[in-house]
């Protein structure tokens, strides 16, 4: 029996900023995929290709928009009880709009 395929509402290129055990900042290239109930980050680079992250939409209690280099509007920070997730995203406004819409839907 086949599993039902997950339908994504939006897929955008993104970079996840995270720290490793030595407090070094890592940049992981990948894609953000948003479904009806979760936001997924799936790495696309060969060195981090097994890196996957799932954030339930309802666990996001704040979305902060920032600029990189002081003027490029592409940084998103998702605040959850588990921690903060910082991304550089190409289509920031689309992501914020969809996440807000999905949060208000439920």
Protein backbone atom coordinates (compact mmCIF):
# COMPACT_ATOMS: atom_id res chain seq x y z
CA UNK A 1 0.00 0.00 0.00
CA UNK A 2 1.39 3.37 -0.98
CA UNK A 3 1.58 6.26 1.42
CA UNK A 4 -0.35 9.32 0.41
CA UNK A 5 2.07 11.91 -0.94
CA UNK A 6 2.38 15.12 1.03
CA UNK A 7 1.13 18.18 -0.81
CA UNK A 8 3.21 21.29 -0.29
CA UNK A 9 1.56 24.68 -0.53
CA UNK A 10 4.83 26.56 -1.03
CA UNK A 11 8.44 25.58 -1.76
CA UNK A 12 11.19 28.23 -1.57
CA UNK A 13 14.98 28.19 -1.48
CA UNK A 14 16.42 28.99 1.94
CA UNK A 15 19.54 28.94 4.10
CA UNK A 16 19.30 27.76 7.70
CA UNK A 17 21.64 29.42 10.19
CA UNK A 18 22.45 27.08 13.06
CA UNK A 19 25.23 26.55 15.60
CA UNK A 20 27.10 23.31 16.13
CA UNK A 21 28.36 21.84 19.41
CA UNK A 22 31.43 24.13 19.33
CA UNK A 23 29.23 27.23 18.91
CA UNK A 24 30.35 27.71 15.31
CA UNK A 25 27.72 29.16 13.01
CA UNK A 26 26.78 26.82 10.17
CA UNK A 27 24.98 27.76 6.97
CA UNK A 28 22.92 24.92 5.53
CA UNK A 29 21.52 25.42 2.03
CA UNK A 30 18.15 23.86 1.32
CA UNK A 31 14.46 24.40 0.73
CA UNK A 32 11.56 25.35 2.94
CA UNK A 33 8.46 23.33 2.12
CA UNK A 34 5.19 24.32 3.76
CA UNK A 35 2.27 21.91 4.08
CA UNK A 36 -1.09 22.44 5.80
CA UNK A 37 0.30 21.54 9.23
CA UNK A 38 4.11 21.84 9.16
CA UNK A 39 7.06 23.79 7.85
CA UNK A 40 9.87 21.54 6.62
CA UNK A 41 13.47 22.43 5.91
CA UNK A 42 15.29 19.90 3.74
CA UNK A 43 18.99 20.40 3.02
CA UNK A 44 20.13 20.21 -0.59
CA UNK A 45 23.90 20.54 -0.22
CA UNK A 46 25.92 17.34 -0.55
CA UNK A 47 27.65 17.72 2.82
CA UNK A 48 24.40 18.21 4.77
CA UNK A 49 21.97 16.28 2.57
CA UNK A 50 20.63 14.22 5.47
CA UNK A 51 19.69 17.32 7.48
CA UNK A 52 15.92 17.67 7.82
CA UNK A 53 13.87 19.83 10.15
CA UNK A 54 10.12 19.84 10.82
CA UNK A 55 8.38 22.69 12.63
CA UNK A 56 4.64 22.28 13.30
CA UNK A 57 2.80 25.44 12.21
CA UNK A 58 0.89 25.65 15.49
CA UNK A 59 4.13 25.61 17.53
CA UNK A 60 5.29 28.87 15.90
CA UNK A 61 4.30 31.71 18.20
CA UNK A 62 6.21 34.56 16.56
CA UNK A 63 7.73 35.36 13.18
CA UNK A 64 10.38 38.09 13.08
CA UNK A 65 11.49 39.74 9.85
CA UNK A 66 15.01 41.16 9.62
CA UNK A 67 17.39 42.45 6.97
CA UNK A 68 20.75 40.95 6.12
CA UNK A 69 23.62 43.39 5.56
CA UNK A 70 21.28 46.05 6.93
CA UNK A 71 19.21 46.47 3.77
CA UNK A 72 18.38 43.10 2.12
CA UNK A 73 14.91 42.01 3.37
CA UNK A 74 15.41 38.25 3.47
CA UNK A 75 15.83 37.03 7.08
CA UNK A 76 13.03 35.19 8.90
CA UNK A 77 13.20 33.99 12.50
CA UNK A 78 10.56 31.50 13.63
CA UNK A 79 10.17 31.44 17.42
CA UNK A 80 8.89 28.23 19.01
CA UNK A 81 9.01 26.78 22.51
CA UNK A 82 11.79 24.44 21.31
CA UNK A 83 13.94 27.38 20.17
CA UNK A 84 14.48 29.90 17.42
CA UNK A 85 15.05 28.98 13.77
CA UNK A 86 16.76 31.57 11.57
CA UNK A 87 16.49 31.40 7.78
CA UNK A 88 17.54 33.52 4.83
CA UNK A 89 14.62 33.20 2.42
CA UNK A 90 14.10 34.46 -1.12
CA UNK A 91 10.30 35.00 -0.92
CA UNK A 92 10.00 36.22 2.67
CA UNK A 93 6.60 37.89 2.39
CA UNK A 94 5.01 34.83 0.77
CA UNK A 95 6.27 32.60 3.59
CA UNK A 96 5.06 34.97 6.33
CA UNK A 97 1.66 35.37 4.68
CA UNK A 98 1.14 31.61 4.27
CA UNK A 99 2.29 30.73 7.81
CA UNK A 100 0.02 33.42 9.29
CA UNK A 101 -2.89 32.23 7.16
CA UNK A 102 -2.39 28.60 8.26
CA UNK A 103 -2.14 29.60 11.93
CA UNK A 104 -5.40 31.54 11.77
CA UNK A 105 -7.12 28.71 9.91
CA UNK A 106 -6.90 26.27 12.83
